[in-house]
Amino acid sequence: MPILSTTPALAVAAPVAAPTATRTAKQTMSQQDFLKLLTMQLKNQDPMKPMDDNSFVTTMAQFTSLEQSSQMITSLKGMGDANKMIAASSMIGREVTVRDYTGAETTGIVDAVENSAKGLQLRMGTSLFSFDSVTRVAPTSVKTPPATVRT
């Protein structure tokens, strides 16, 4: 939008640079950041005008809420990991189809489940496959011979 001169005799349009649209990544405040901010606020407040009680109580309530939310997230993550391990363990002895990063599918019987730095993995024979790559789970298709009856 051009800016016009306020001089009545000269109405000259001045060029205006287009605003640059820069976005910063949304950052979240950690407990440590919150404590630092609160400490700095208390340290640098005017002694003649200290933070009023209501404001301080509100700030402490926010801190408590932040701490409880953090603990709940940690607890839910642990429950999710435990549920994944239970689901993976239930696949032992079953026929499972997995898809690798190229899209190729492999089918085999799960011998074991391993939790490593790479995450939860299923062992089929000598190969390990990511639990997240499972596309199908079925009872084993291997037929067992009928039991013999002795008389």
N, C-alpha and C. Protein backbone atom coordinates (compact mmCIF):
# COMPACT_ATOMS: atom_id res chain seq x y z
N MET A 1 0.84 -1.16 0.00
CA MET A 1 0.00 0.00 0.00
C MET A 1 0.89 1.23 0.00
N PRO A 2 0.74 2.15 -0.98
CA PRO A 2 1.60 3.33 -1.05
C PRO A 2 1.24 4.33 0.04
N ILE A 3 2.25 5.05 0.48
CA ILE A 3 2.05 6.09 1.48
C ILE A 3 2.14 7.43 0.77
N LEU A 4 1.17 8.29 0.98
CA LEU A 4 1.14 9.60 0.34
C LEU A 4 1.71 10.63 1.28
N SER A 5 2.37 11.63 0.71
CA SER A 5 2.94 12.71 1.49
C SER A 5 1.82 13.54 2.10
N THR A 6 2.10 14.12 3.26
CA THR A 6 1.08 14.96 3.91
C THR A 6 1.14 16.40 3.41
N THR A 7 2.11 16.74 2.60
CA THR A 7 2.21 18.07 2.05
C THR A 7 1.14 18.23 0.98
N PRO A 8 0.25 19.25 1.08
CA PRO A 8 -0.84 19.37 0.13
C PRO A 8 -0.38 19.60 -1.31
N ALA A 9 0.73 20.28 -1.49
CA ALA A 9 1.17 20.59 -2.85
C ALA A 9 1.78 19.37 -3.53
N LEU A 10 2.37 18.51 -2.75
CA LEU A 10 3.04 17.34 -3.32
C LEU A 10 2.36 16.07 -2.82
N ALA A 11 1.75 15.36 -3.69
CA ALA A 11 1.16 14.08 -3.34
C ALA A 11 1.99 13.01 -4.04
N VAL A 12 3.07 12.60 -3.40
CA VAL A 12 4.00 11.66 -4.00
C VAL A 12 3.84 10.30 -3.31
N ALA A 13 3.76 9.27 -4.10
CA ALA A 13 3.64 7.92 -3.55
C ALA A 13 5.02 7.38 -3.25
N ALA A 14 5.21 6.94 -2.04
CA ALA A 14 6.49 6.36 -1.65
C ALA A 14 6.39 4.85 -1.77
N PRO A 15 7.44 4.22 -2.31
CA PRO A 15 7.38 2.76 -2.43
C PRO A 15 7.44 2.11 -1.05
N VAL A 16 6.66 1.06 -0.90
CA VAL A 16 6.62 0.32 0.37
C VAL A 16 7.11 -1.09 0.10
N ALA A 17 8.04 -1.56 0.91
CA ALA A 17 8.55 -2.92 0.75
C ALA A 17 7.47 -3.90 1.16
N ALA A 18 7.35 -4.96 0.39
CA ALA A 18 6.38 -5.99 0.70
C ALA A 18 6.78 -6.68 2.00
N PRO A 19 5.82 -6.90 2.89
CA PRO A 19 6.18 -7.56 4.15
C PRO A 19 6.62 -9.00 3.88
N THR A 20 7.64 -9.38 4.60
CA THR A 20 8.12 -10.75 4.44
C THR A 20 7.37 -11.64 5.41
N ALA A 21 6.92 -12.76 4.93
CA ALA A 21 6.17 -13.69 5.76
C ALA A 21 7.13 -14.72 6.31
N THR A 22 7.54 -14.50 7.53
CA THR A 22 8.42 -15.48 8.16
C THR A 22 7.66 -16.12 9.30
N ARG A 23 7.75 -17.41 9.37
CA ARG A 23 7.09 -18.16 10.44
C ARG A 23 8.15 -18.80 11.27
N THR A 24 7.94 -18.75 12.53
CA THR A 24 8.84 -19.46 13.43
C THR A 24 8.13 -20.71 13.90
N ALA A 25 8.91 -21.72 14.17
CA ALA A 25 8.34 -22.97 14.65
C ALA A 25 7.69 -22.75 16.01
N LYS A 26 6.54 -23.36 16.21
CA LYS A 26 5.85 -23.24 17.48
C LYS A 26 6.67 -23.97 18.54
N GLN A 27 6.98 -23.26 19.60
CA GLN A 27 7.78 -23.86 20.65
C GLN A 27 6.91 -24.06 21.88
N THR A 28 7.20 -25.09 22.62
CA THR A 28 6.46 -25.35 23.83
C THR A 28 7.34 -25.02 25.03
N MET A 29 6.71 -24.64 26.10
CA MET A 29 7.44 -24.27 27.30
C MET A 29 7.58 -25.49 28.20
N SER A 30 8.80 -25.79 28.59
CA SER A 30 9.03 -26.91 29.49
C SER A 30 8.89 -26.44 30.93
N GLN A 31 8.91 -27.37 31.85
CA GLN A 31 8.84 -27.02 33.27
C GLN A 31 10.03 -26.16 33.65
N GLN A 32 11.19 -26.52 33.12
CA GLN A 32 12.41 -25.77 33.43
C GLN A 32 12.29 -24.33 32.94
N ASP A 33 11.76 -24.14 31.72
CA ASP A 33 11.56 -22.79 31.19
C ASP A 33 10.58 -22.00 32.06
N PHE A 34 9.53 -22.67 32.49
CA PHE A 34 8.51 -22.01 33.32
C PHE A 34 9.12 -21.55 34.64
N LEU A 35 9.92 -22.41 35.27
CA LEU A 35 10.56 -22.04 36.53
C LEU A 35 11.53 -20.88 36.35
N LYS A 36 12.30 -20.89 35.25
CA LYS A 36 13.22 -19.79 34.98
C LYS A 36 12.46 -18.48 34.82
N LEU A 37 11.37 -18.53 34.08
CA LEU A 37 10.57 -17.34 33.86
C LEU A 37 9.99 -16.81 35.18
N LEU A 38 9.47 -17.70 35.99
CA LEU A 38 8.90 -17.30 37.27
C LEU A 38 9.98 -16.72 38.18
N THR A 39 11.14 -17.35 38.21
CA THR A 39 12.25 -16.86 39.04
C THR A 39 12.69 -15.47 38.60
N MET A 40 12.84 -15.28 37.28
CA MET A 40 13.24 -13.97 36.77
C MET A 40 12.18 -12.92 37.07
N GLN A 41 10.92 -13.30 36.98
CA GLN A 41 9.82 -12.37 37.25
C GLN A 41 9.87 -11.93 38.72
N LEU A 42 10.06 -12.87 39.63
CA LEU A 42 10.13 -12.54 41.05
C LEU A 42 11.39 -11.75 41.38
N LYS A 43 12.49 -12.10 40.75
CA LYS A 43 13.77 -11.45 41.00
C LYS A 43 13.77 -9.99 40.53
N ASN A 44 13.12 -9.72 39.42
CA ASN A 44 13.16 -8.39 38.82
C ASN A 44 11.92 -7.54 39.09
N GLN A 45 11.07 -7.97 39.99
CA GLN A 45 9.87 -7.17 40.25
C GLN A 45 10.23 -5.94 41.07
N ASP A 46 9.42 -4.94 40.95
CA ASP A 46 9.59 -3.70 41.70
C ASP A 46 9.22 -3.96 43.15
N PRO A 47 10.14 -3.73 44.09
CA PRO A 47 9.82 -4.00 45.50
C PRO A 47 8.67 -3.13 46.03
N MET A 48 8.46 -1.99 45.39
CA MET A 48 7.37 -1.11 45.81
C MET A 48 6.02 -1.56 45.26
N LYS A 49 6.07 -2.40 44.20
CA LYS A 49 4.85 -2.93 43.60
C LYS A 49 5.03 -4.44 43.37
N PRO A 50 5.03 -5.22 44.44
CA PRO A 50 5.24 -6.66 44.25
C PRO A 50 4.05 -7.31 43.53
N MET A 51 4.34 -8.51 43.01
CA MET A 51 3.28 -9.27 42.33
C MET A 51 2.14 -9.49 43.31
N ASP A 52 0.92 -9.24 42.85
CA ASP A 52 -0.19 -9.41 43.78
C ASP A 52 -0.44 -10.91 44.03
N ASP A 53 -1.07 -11.20 45.16
CA ASP A 53 -1.28 -12.58 45.60
C ASP A 53 -2.04 -13.41 44.58
N ASN A 54 -3.09 -12.84 43.99
CA ASN A 54 -3.90 -13.59 43.02
C ASN A 54 -3.07 -14.00 41.81
N SER A 55 -2.24 -13.10 41.35
CA SER A 55 -1.39 -13.40 40.19
C SER A 55 -0.40 -14.51 40.53
N PHE A 56 0.17 -14.45 41.73
CA PHE A 56 1.13 -15.47 42.14
C PHE A 56 0.47 -16.83 42.28
N VAL A 57 -0.72 -16.87 42.87
CA VAL A 57 -1.46 -18.13 43.03
C VAL A 57 -1.82 -18.70 41.66
N THR A 58 -2.23 -17.84 40.74
CA THR A 58 -2.55 -18.28 39.38
C THR A 58 -1.33 -18.89 38.71
N THR A 59 -0.19 -18.24 38.86
CA THR A 59 1.05 -18.74 38.27
C THR A 59 1.42 -20.09 38.85
N MET A 60 1.30 -20.24 40.16
CA MET A 60 1.63 -21.52 40.80
C MET A 60 0.65 -22.61 40.36
N ALA A 61 -0.61 -22.26 40.18
CA ALA A 61 -1.59 -23.25 39.70
C ALA A 61 -1.25 -23.70 38.29
N GLN A 62 -0.80 -22.78 37.45
CA GLN A 62 -0.38 -23.13 36.09
C GLN A 62 0.82 -24.07 36.13
N PHE A 63 1.76 -23.78 37.02
CA PHE A 63 2.93 -24.64 37.14
C PHE A 63 2.53 -26.04 37.59
N THR A 64 1.65 -26.14 38.57
CA THR A 64 1.19 -27.44 39.05
C THR A 64 0.48 -28.20 37.93
N SER A 65 -0.34 -27.50 37.17
CA SER A 65 -1.04 -28.13 36.04
C SER A 65 -0.05 -28.64 35.00
N LEU A 66 0.97 -27.85 34.72
CA LEU A 66 2.00 -28.26 33.76
C LEU A 66 2.73 -29.51 34.24
N GLU A 67 3.06 -29.55 35.51
CA GLU A 67 3.76 -30.71 36.07
C GLU A 67 2.89 -31.96 36.01
N GLN A 68 1.61 -31.83 36.35
CA GLN A 68 0.70 -32.98 36.32
C GLN A 68 0.49 -33.47 34.89
N SER A 69 0.40 -32.55 33.95
CA SER A 69 0.25 -32.94 32.54
C SER A 69 1.47 -33.70 32.06
N SER A 70 2.63 -33.24 32.46
CA SER A 70 3.87 -33.92 32.08
C SER A 70 3.93 -35.34 32.64
N GLN A 71 3.53 -35.49 33.89
CA GLN A 71 3.51 -36.82 34.50
C GLN A 71 2.50 -37.73 33.83
N MET A 72 1.35 -37.18 33.44
CA MET A 72 0.32 -37.99 32.78
C MET A 72 0.80 -38.44 31.40
N ILE A 73 1.48 -37.58 30.67
CA ILE A 73 2.00 -37.94 29.35
C ILE A 73 3.01 -39.08 29.49
N THR A 74 3.89 -38.98 30.47
CA THR A 74 4.88 -40.03 30.71
C THR A 74 4.20 -41.35 31.04
N SER A 75 3.17 -41.28 31.87
CA SER A 75 2.44 -42.48 32.27
C SER A 75 1.71 -43.11 31.07
N LEU A 76 1.06 -42.29 30.25
CA LEU A 76 0.36 -42.80 29.07
C LEU A 76 1.31 -43.42 28.06
N LYS A 77 2.49 -42.82 27.90
CA LYS A 77 3.48 -43.38 26.98
C LYS A 77 3.92 -44.76 27.46
N GLY A 78 4.14 -44.91 28.76
CA GLY A 78 4.52 -46.21 29.31
C GLY A 78 3.43 -47.25 29.10
N MET A 79 2.17 -46.84 29.26
CA MET A 79 1.06 -47.77 29.04
C MET A 79 0.98 -48.17 27.56
N GLY A 80 1.21 -47.22 26.68
CA GLY A 80 1.19 -47.51 25.24
C GLY A 80 2.28 -48.50 24.86
N ASP A 81 3.48 -48.32 25.43
CA ASP A 81 4.59 -49.24 25.17
C ASP A 81 4.28 -50.63 25.68
N ALA A 82 3.67 -50.72 26.86
CA ALA A 82 3.30 -52.02 27.43
C ALA A 82 2.25 -52.71 26.57
N ASN A 83 1.28 -51.95 26.08
CA ASN A 83 0.25 -52.53 25.21
C ASN A 83 0.84 -53.05 23.91
N LYS A 84 1.81 -52.33 23.36
CA LYS A 84 2.47 -52.79 22.13
C LYS A 84 3.20 -54.11 22.38
N MET A 85 3.87 -54.21 23.52
CA MET A 85 4.61 -55.44 23.85
C MET A 85 3.65 -56.61 24.01
N ILE A 86 2.51 -56.37 24.63
CA ILE A 86 1.51 -57.44 24.80
C ILE A 86 0.99 -57.88 23.43
N ALA A 87 0.68 -56.91 22.57
CA ALA A 87 0.18 -57.23 21.22
C ALA A 87 1.23 -58.00 20.42
N ALA A 88 2.48 -57.58 20.51
CA ALA A 88 3.55 -58.27 19.78
C ALA A 88 3.75 -59.68 20.33
N SER A 89 3.71 -59.83 21.64
CA SER A 89 3.89 -61.15 22.26
C SER A 89 2.79 -62.12 21.86
N SER A 90 1.58 -61.59 21.62
CA SER A 90 0.48 -62.47 21.23
C SER A 90 0.67 -63.02 19.81
N MET A 91 1.64 -62.49 19.08
CA MET A 91 1.91 -62.96 17.72
C MET A 91 2.89 -64.13 17.68
N ILE A 92 3.52 -64.45 18.81
CA ILE A 92 4.47 -65.57 18.84
C ILE A 92 3.73 -66.85 18.49
N GLY A 93 4.29 -67.59 17.52
CA GLY A 93 3.69 -68.84 17.07
C GLY A 93 2.63 -68.64 16.00
N ARG A 94 2.36 -67.42 15.61
CA ARG A 94 1.36 -67.14 14.58
C ARG A 94 2.03 -66.79 13.26
N GLU A 95 1.27 -66.96 12.20
CA GLU A 95 1.75 -66.61 10.87
C GLU A 95 1.50 -65.11 10.65
N VAL A 96 2.57 -64.39 10.34
CA VAL A 96 2.49 -62.94 10.22
C VAL A 96 3.04 -62.51 8.87
N THR A 97 2.38 -61.53 8.26
CA THR A 97 2.87 -60.93 7.02
C THR A 97 3.33 -59.53 7.36
N VAL A 98 4.57 -59.20 6.94
CA VAL A 98 5.13 -57.86 7.18
C VAL A 98 5.52 -57.24 5.85
N ARG A 99 5.52 -55.92 5.80
CA ARG A 99 5.92 -55.20 4.60
C ARG A 99 7.19 -54.43 4.92
N ASP A 100 8.24 -54.59 4.08
CA ASP A 100 9.49 -53.86 4.32
C ASP A 100 9.42 -52.48 3.67
N TYR A 101 10.53 -51.73 3.79
CA TYR A 101 10.54 -50.35 3.30
C TYR A 101 10.38 -50.24 1.79
N THR A 102 10.62 -51.33 1.04
CA THR A 102 10.45 -51.30 -0.42
C THR A 102 9.02 -51.66 -0.83
N GLY A 103 8.25 -52.13 0.12
CA GLY A 103 6.87 -52.54 -0.17
C GLY A 103 6.72 -54.04 -0.36
N ALA A 104 7.84 -54.77 -0.35
CA ALA A 104 7.79 -56.23 -0.50
C ALA A 104 7.24 -56.86 0.78
N GLU A 105 6.43 -57.89 0.61
CA GLU A 105 5.85 -58.56 1.77
C GLU A 105 6.55 -59.88 2.04
N THR A 106 6.68 -60.20 3.30
CA THR A 106 7.28 -61.45 3.75
C THR A 106 6.32 -62.07 4.76
N THR A 107 6.12 -63.37 4.63
CA THR A 107 5.25 -64.09 5.55
C THR A 107 6.05 -65.16 6.26
N GLY A 108 5.84 -65.29 7.55
CA GLY A 108 6.54 -66.30 8.33
C GLY A 108 5.91 -66.44 9.70
N ILE A 109 6.46 -67.36 10.47
CA ILE A 109 5.95 -67.59 11.82
C ILE A 109 6.86 -66.88 12.81
N VAL A 110 6.25 -66.12 13.71
CA VAL A 110 7.00 -65.34 14.69
C VAL A 110 7.56 -66.27 15.75
N ASP A 111 8.89 -66.21 15.93
CA ASP A 111 9.58 -67.03 16.93
C ASP A 111 9.74 -66.30 18.26
N ALA A 112 9.96 -64.98 18.17
CA ALA A 112 10.23 -64.21 19.38
C ALA A 112 9.94 -62.73 19.12
N VAL A 113 9.89 -61.97 20.20
CA VAL A 113 9.73 -60.52 20.13
C VAL A 113 10.91 -59.90 20.85
N GLU A 114 11.50 -58.86 20.25
CA GLU A 114 12.64 -58.19 20.85
C GLU A 114 12.39 -56.70 20.92
N ASN A 115 12.74 -56.10 22.04
CA ASN A 115 12.64 -54.65 22.19
C ASN A 115 14.06 -54.10 22.23
N SER A 116 14.46 -53.43 21.15
CA SER A 116 15.82 -52.93 21.04
C SER A 116 15.81 -51.43 20.78
N ALA A 117 16.99 -50.88 20.51
CA ALA A 117 17.10 -49.45 20.20
C ALA A 117 16.32 -49.10 18.94
N LYS A 118 16.11 -50.07 18.07
CA LYS A 118 15.35 -49.84 16.84
C LYS A 118 13.84 -49.94 17.08
N GLY A 119 13.45 -50.25 18.29
CA GLY A 119 12.03 -50.38 18.62
C GLY A 119 11.64 -51.84 18.75
N LEU A 120 10.36 -52.07 18.79
CA LEU A 120 9.81 -53.41 18.94
C LEU A 120 9.94 -54.18 17.63
N GLN A 121 10.57 -55.36 17.69
CA GLN A 121 10.80 -56.15 16.49
C GLN A 121 10.35 -57.59 16.68
N LEU A 122 9.89 -58.18 15.58
CA LEU A 122 9.47 -59.58 15.57
C LEU A 122 10.57 -60.40 14.91
N ARG A 123 10.93 -61.51 15.54
CA ARG A 123 11.93 -62.41 14.95
C ARG A 123 11.20 -63.54 14.23
N MET A 124 11.52 -63.67 12.92
CA MET A 124 10.98 -64.77 12.12
C MET A 124 12.19 -65.46 11.50
N GLY A 125 12.52 -66.63 12.05
CA GLY A 125 13.73 -67.31 11.60
C GLY A 125 14.94 -66.51 12.05
N THR A 126 15.78 -66.14 11.08
CA THR A 126 16.98 -65.36 11.41
C THR A 126 16.77 -63.86 11.15
N SER A 127 15.59 -63.49 10.69
CA SER A 127 15.33 -62.09 10.33
C SER A 127 14.50 -61.37 11.39
N LEU A 128 14.75 -60.06 11.51
CA LEU A 128 13.98 -59.21 12.41
C LEU A 128 13.16 -58.24 11.57
N PHE A 129 11.91 -58.03 11.97
CA PHE A 129 11.01 -57.11 11.27
C PHE A 129 10.37 -56.19 12.29
N SER A 130 10.15 -54.96 11.90
CA SER A 130 9.52 -53.97 12.77
C SER A 130 8.08 -54.37 13.08
N PHE A 131 7.69 -54.21 14.32
CA PHE A 131 6.31 -54.50 14.72
C PHE A 131 5.33 -53.63 13.93
N ASP A 132 5.73 -52.40 13.63
CA ASP A 132 4.86 -51.47 12.91
C ASP A 132 4.64 -51.87 11.45
N SER A 133 5.43 -52.83 10.94
CA SER A 133 5.30 -53.22 9.53
C SER A 133 4.34 -54.39 9.33
N VAL A 134 3.70 -54.86 10.39
CA VAL A 134 2.78 -56.00 10.29
C VAL A 134 1.53 -55.59 9.50
N THR A 135 1.19 -56.41 8.50
CA THR A 135 -0.01 -56.14 7.70
C THR A 135 -1.07 -57.23 7.88
N ARG A 136 -0.66 -58.40 8.40
CA ARG A 136 -1.61 -59.51 8.54
C ARG A 136 -1.12 -60.45 9.64
N VAL A 137 -2.07 -60.94 10.44
CA VAL A 137 -1.78 -61.95 11.47
C VAL A 137 -2.82 -63.04 11.33
N ALA A 138 -2.36 -64.29 11.31
CA ALA A 138 -3.29 -65.42 11.16
C ALA A 138 -2.77 -66.60 11.96
N PRO A 139 -3.66 -67.55 12.26
CA PRO A 139 -3.17 -68.78 12.90
C PRO A 139 -2.21 -69.46 11.94
N THR A 140 -1.32 -70.27 12.47
CA THR A 140 -0.36 -70.95 11.60
C THR A 140 -1.09 -71.86 10.63
N SER A 141 -0.60 -71.88 9.40
CA SER A 141 -1.24 -72.71 8.38
C SER A 141 -0.60 -74.08 8.29
N VAL A 142 0.37 -74.35 9.17
CA VAL A 142 1.03 -75.64 9.18
C VAL A 142 0.08 -76.68 9.78
N LYS A 143 -0.18 -77.72 9.03
CA LYS A 143 -1.08 -78.77 9.50
C LYS A 143 -0.31 -79.72 10.41
N THR A 144 -0.89 -80.03 11.54
CA THR A 144 -0.27 -81.00 12.44
C THR A 144 -0.89 -82.36 12.13
N PRO A 145 -0.08 -83.40 12.16
CA PRO A 145 -0.62 -84.72 11.88
C PRO A 145 -1.62 -85.11 12.95
N PRO A 146 -2.63 -85.86 12.56
CA PRO A 146 -3.62 -86.26 13.55
C PRO A 146 -2.97 -87.15 14.61
N ALA A 147 -3.49 -87.05 15.80
CA ALA A 147 -2.96 -87.84 16.91
C ALA A 147 -3.25 -89.31 16.67
N THR A 148 -2.29 -90.16 17.01
CA THR A 148 -2.51 -91.60 16.85
C THR A 148 -3.14 -92.15 18.12
N VAL A 149 -4.03 -93.07 17.93
CA VAL A 149 -4.73 -93.67 19.07
C VAL A 149 -4.09 -95.02 19.33
N ARG A 150 -3.67 -95.27 20.58
CA ARG A 150 -3.10 -96.56 20.94
C ARG A 150 -4.14 -97.41 21.64
N THR A 151 -4.17 -98.65 21.27
CA THR A 151 -5.10 -99.56 21.93
C THR A 151 -4.40 -100.68 22.61
